[in-house]
Amino acid sequence: MNPIIRVNVLDRVRVHPLFSSLNDDALAQLFERARPIDLGAHEKLFSQGEKADRFYIVVSGSVKLFRFSKDGQEKVIEVVEEGHSMAEAIMFMEELSCYPVNAESLEKSTVVSFNSSLYLQILESSPQSCFKILGTLSRRLHTRLNEIETLTLKNARHRACRYLIGLAGENPVNNQVVHLPVAKQLIAARLAMQPETLSRILRELIKEEVVTVGGRDVTIKSFERLKALD
């Protein structure tokens, strides 16, 4: 890896939960075998069924994880944004050795891939680090279970409101502007609704003076009212 790239990437990802509990020697081992990958817009990173021998951190841009249904429709599983990881959980699944989804960049993006086997060897030599990583993965699993509950038990309006609340972070304030990270069509797919449905819900929220919308910027005028709709 280019030394300049190595330093810049190390500074960006060492605070990620997958790396924050590792010492400098362990990080050095991982980065010696890491690979930075520059992707153009809509460029494939990996395909469903390929051998899952590496995991990834998105350094810039965003990557879409998706599958195709039996009738050929694309189902968006997740949009992985800057600073987040993907394919790391597969390392801990003995019965799963292939990527269960496809990965494609949504825009010009840079990701760094890491060797999964080497990462596991490092964890085996440090039980303390291993427990910290398991805690991180458990929290992510809990988040995914909540998302599944929302998608299966709640109506479209509820899902859209909860999504906007999630974008606002932990300490939201009235008149806060949140930026939609991807196109509305992809957000609709992530929320298991048609793009027309999402557009209708946003129009209703505008009419009710709960939000205003300008392009991909949404101003939440009243979090109290938005939460009441959640």
Protein backbone atom coordinates (compact mmCIF):
# COMPACT_ATOMS: atom_id res chain seq x y z
CA MET A 1 0.00 0.00 0.00
CA ASN A 2 1.24 3.47 -0.86
CA PRO A 3 2.68 4.97 2.37
CA ILE A 4 0.67 8.20 2.04
CA ILE A 5 -2.56 6.30 1.42
CA ARG A 6 -1.70 3.98 4.30
CA VAL A 7 -1.35 6.86 6.78
CA ASN A 8 -4.52 8.60 5.64
CA VAL A 9 -6.59 5.43 5.70
CA LEU A 10 -5.20 4.38 9.07
CA ASP A 11 -6.23 7.71 10.58
CA ARG A 12 -9.76 7.30 9.22
CA VAL A 13 -10.47 3.69 10.13
CA ARG A 14 -8.57 3.10 13.35
CA VAL A 15 -11.47 4.68 15.28
CA HIS A 16 -13.93 2.20 13.75
CA PRO A 17 -15.20 -0.34 16.32
CA LEU A 18 -13.57 -3.17 14.38
CA PHE A 19 -10.14 -1.60 14.90
CA SER A 20 -10.37 0.67 17.93
CA SER A 21 -9.53 -2.14 20.40
CA LEU A 22 -6.47 -3.33 18.45
CA ASN A 23 -2.93 -2.28 19.30
CA ASP A 24 -0.54 -0.65 16.84
CA ASP A 25 1.24 -3.92 15.99
CA ALA A 26 -2.03 -5.61 15.08
CA LEU A 27 -3.10 -2.64 12.99
CA ALA A 28 0.23 -2.65 11.20
CA GLN A 29 -0.23 -6.33 10.30
CA LEU A 30 -3.69 -5.69 8.91
CA PHE A 31 -2.66 -2.67 6.90
CA GLU A 32 0.30 -4.42 5.33
CA ARG A 33 -2.21 -6.70 3.56
CA ALA A 34 -4.98 -4.14 3.08
CA ARG A 35 -6.01 -2.98 -0.37
CA PRO A 36 -7.49 0.43 -1.20
CA ILE A 37 -10.04 0.24 -4.02
CA ASP A 38 -11.27 3.22 -6.01
CA LEU A 39 -14.71 2.72 -7.54
CA GLY A 40 -16.53 4.75 -10.14
CA ALA A 41 -20.25 5.36 -9.87
CA HIS A 42 -22.29 2.14 -10.14
CA GLU A 43 -19.22 -0.09 -10.19
CA LYS A 44 -19.39 -3.60 -8.75
CA LEU A 45 -17.32 -4.39 -5.66
CA PHE A 46 -18.35 -8.02 -5.18
CA SER A 47 -21.17 -10.33 -6.24
CA GLN A 48 -23.48 -12.66 -4.37
CA GLY A 49 -21.94 -16.13 -4.21
CA GLU A 50 -18.30 -15.01 -4.47
CA LYS A 51 -15.88 -16.29 -1.84
CA ALA A 52 -16.03 -13.98 1.18
CA ASP A 53 -12.38 -13.80 2.15
CA ARG A 54 -12.24 -10.03 2.77
CA PHE A 55 -14.26 -7.38 4.57
CA TYR A 56 -14.46 -3.67 3.76
CA ILE A 57 -14.49 -0.16 5.23
CA VAL A 58 -15.98 2.66 3.17
CA VAL A 59 -13.56 5.60 3.30
CA SER A 60 -15.55 7.91 1.02
CA GLY A 61 -18.75 7.68 -1.01
CA SER A 62 -21.38 5.01 -0.49
CA VAL A 63 -21.98 1.38 -1.45
CA LYS A 64 -25.32 -0.34 -2.03
CA LEU A 65 -25.86 -3.90 -0.80
CA PHE A 66 -28.65 -5.67 -2.66
CA ARG A 67 -30.11 -8.94 -3.86
CA PHE A 68 -32.47 -9.94 -6.64
CA SER A 69 -35.83 -11.56 -5.90
CA LYS A 70 -37.05 -14.61 -7.81
CA ASP A 71 -38.92 -12.35 -10.22
CA GLY A 72 -35.77 -10.34 -10.91
CA GLN A 73 -36.59 -7.27 -8.80
CA GLU A 74 -33.73 -5.59 -6.98
CA LYS A 75 -34.08 -5.51 -3.20
CA VAL A 76 -31.86 -3.00 -1.42
CA ILE A 77 -30.59 -4.48 1.85
CA GLU A 78 -28.47 -1.58 3.05
CA VAL A 79 -26.60 1.52 1.90
CA VAL A 80 -23.15 1.57 3.52
CA GLU A 81 -21.85 5.08 3.92
CA GLU A 82 -18.49 6.65 4.72
CA GLY A 83 -16.93 5.30 7.91
CA HIS A 84 -19.00 2.11 8.00
CA SER A 85 -18.06 -1.51 7.36
CA MET A 86 -19.53 -4.40 5.40
CA ALA A 87 -19.07 -8.17 5.16
CA GLU A 88 -17.33 -8.37 8.55
CA ALA A 89 -19.99 -10.57 10.16
CA ILE A 90 -19.36 -13.34 7.61
CA MET A 91 -15.99 -13.99 9.27
CA PHE A 92 -17.79 -15.42 12.30
CA MET A 93 -20.18 -17.67 10.36
CA GLU A 94 -18.63 -21.07 9.74
CA GLU A 95 -21.54 -22.17 7.56
CA LEU A 96 -21.32 -19.09 5.31
CA SER A 97 -18.22 -18.67 3.16
CA CYS A 98 -19.70 -16.63 0.32
CA TYR A 99 -21.09 -13.12 0.11
CA PRO A 100 -24.89 -13.31 0.54
CA VAL A 101 -25.46 -10.02 -1.34
CA ASN A 102 -24.12 -7.93 -4.20
CA ALA A 103 -22.19 -4.71 -3.55
CA GLU A 104 -22.11 -1.75 -5.93
CA SER A 105 -20.96 1.83 -5.50
CA LEU A 106 -23.65 4.51 -5.73
CA GLU A 107 -21.15 7.24 -6.55
CA LYS A 108 -17.42 7.68 -6.89
CA SER A 109 -16.18 5.88 -3.77
CA THR A 110 -13.08 4.56 -2.05
CA VAL A 111 -13.12 1.44 0.08
CA VAL A 112 -10.38 -0.51 1.80
CA SER A 113 -10.50 -4.28 1.92
CA PHE A 114 -8.95 -6.29 4.75
CA ASN A 115 -7.95 -9.93 4.98
CA SER A 116 -10.56 -11.78 7.07
CA SER A 117 -8.31 -14.71 8.04
CA LEU A 118 -5.60 -12.43 9.36
CA TYR A 119 -8.13 -10.41 11.34
CA LEU A 120 -9.47 -13.59 12.98
CA GLN A 121 -5.94 -14.69 13.87
CA ILE A 122 -5.36 -11.38 15.62
CA LEU A 123 -8.60 -11.72 17.58
CA GLU A 124 -7.68 -15.25 18.65
CA SER A 125 -4.49 -13.89 20.20
CA SER A 126 -6.35 -11.16 22.13
CA PRO A 127 -9.48 -12.31 24.02
CA GLN A 128 -10.10 -8.76 25.29
CA SER A 129 -10.28 -7.41 21.75
CA CYS A 130 -12.46 -10.32 20.73
CA PHE A 131 -15.06 -9.55 23.40
CA LYS A 132 -15.16 -5.88 22.39
CA ILE A 133 -15.78 -6.82 18.78
CA LEU A 134 -18.54 -9.24 19.78
CA GLY A 135 -20.20 -6.43 21.70
CA THR A 136 -20.10 -4.24 18.61
CA LEU A 137 -21.61 -6.95 16.41
CA SER A 138 -24.31 -7.64 19.00
CA ARG A 139 -25.37 -3.99 18.95
CA ARG A 140 -25.52 -4.04 15.17
CA LEU A 141 -27.64 -7.19 15.29
CA HIS A 142 -30.02 -5.50 17.72
CA THR A 143 -30.32 -2.56 15.31
CA ARG A 144 -31.09 -4.90 12.41
CA LEU A 145 -33.77 -6.70 14.42
CA ASN A 146 -35.44 -3.38 15.16
CA GLU A 147 -35.34 -2.56 11.45
CA ILE A 148 -36.93 -5.90 10.59
CA GLU A 149 -39.71 -5.25 13.09
CA THR A 150 -40.33 -1.83 11.58
CA LEU A 151 -40.42 -3.19 8.02
CA THR A 152 -42.79 -6.05 8.84
CA LEU A 153 -45.13 -4.59 11.46
CA LYS A 154 -45.34 -0.86 10.75
CA ASN A 155 -47.01 1.01 7.91
CA ALA A 156 -45.19 3.07 5.28
CA ARG A 157 -45.80 6.41 6.99
CA HIS A 158 -44.34 5.10 10.25
CA ARG A 159 -41.26 3.75 8.45
CA ALA A 160 -40.63 7.06 6.68
CA CYS A 161 -40.96 9.07 9.89
CA ARG A 162 -38.64 6.75 11.79
CA TYR A 163 -36.08 6.99 8.99
CA LEU A 164 -36.06 10.80 9.20
CA ILE A 165 -35.73 10.65 12.98
CA GLY A 166 -32.78 8.30 12.62
CA LEU A 167 -31.00 10.72 10.30
CA ALA A 168 -31.25 13.47 12.92
CA GLY A 169 -28.96 11.71 15.41
CA GLU A 170 -29.15 11.37 19.17
CA ASN A 171 -29.85 15.02 20.13
CA PRO A 172 -32.25 16.43 17.54
CA VAL A 173 -33.59 19.97 17.66
CA ASN A 174 -36.49 21.67 15.93
CA ASN A 175 -35.75 23.13 12.49
CA GLN A 176 -32.81 20.76 12.10
CA VAL A 177 -31.80 20.03 8.53
CA VAL A 178 -31.05 16.41 7.65
CA HIS A 179 -29.54 15.39 4.33
CA LEU A 180 -30.89 12.35 2.55
CA PRO A 181 -27.72 10.30 1.95
CA VAL A 182 -28.94 8.68 -1.28
CA ALA A 183 -31.62 9.21 -3.91
CA LYS A 184 -35.24 8.96 -2.75
CA GLN A 185 -35.74 5.93 -4.99
CA LEU A 186 -33.10 4.00 -3.03
CA ILE A 187 -34.49 5.18 0.30
CA ALA A 188 -37.93 3.94 -0.76
CA ALA A 189 -36.48 0.55 -1.67
CA ARG A 190 -34.69 0.36 1.68
CA LEU A 191 -37.97 1.12 3.46
CA ALA A 192 -39.87 -1.49 1.42
CA MET A 193 -42.15 0.95 -0.38
CA GLN A 194 -42.59 2.37 -3.86
CA PRO A 195 -40.91 5.72 -4.66
CA GLU A 196 -44.37 7.19 -5.29
CA THR A 197 -45.41 6.22 -1.77
CA LEU A 198 -42.42 7.96 -0.22
CA SER A 199 -43.07 11.08 -2.29
CA ARG A 200 -46.72 11.09 -1.18
CA ILE A 201 -45.74 10.78 2.48
CA LEU A 202 -43.29 13.67 2.20
CA ARG A 203 -45.96 15.81 0.55
CA GLU A 204 -48.33 14.99 3.42
CA LEU A 205 -45.69 15.94 6.00
CA ILE A 206 -45.07 19.21 4.16
CA LYS A 207 -48.80 19.97 4.06
CA GLU A 208 -49.05 19.24 7.79
CA GLU A 209 -46.11 21.63 8.36
CA VAL A 210 -44.00 18.93 10.00
CA VAL A 211 -41.15 19.21 7.47
CA THR A 212 -39.99 21.22 4.50
CA VAL A 213 -38.05 19.68 1.62
CA GLY A 214 -35.48 21.21 -0.70
CA GLY A 215 -33.83 18.66 -2.96
CA ARG A 216 -32.22 16.10 -0.66
CA ASP A 217 -32.31 18.42 2.36
CA VAL A 218 -35.22 17.92 4.76
CA THR A 219 -35.89 20.47 7.52
CA ILE A 220 -37.71 18.89 10.44
CA LYS A 221 -39.73 21.77 11.84
CA SER A 222 -41.11 19.86 14.84
CA PHE A 223 -39.56 16.71 16.22
CA GLU A 224 -42.38 16.35 18.70
CA ARG A 225 -44.95 16.11 15.93
CA LEU A 226 -42.73 13.85 13.83
CA LYS A 227 -42.24 11.48 16.77
CA ALA A 228 -45.97 11.48 17.39
CA LEU A 229 -46.40 10.13 13.87
CA ASP A 230 -43.67 7.49 14.42
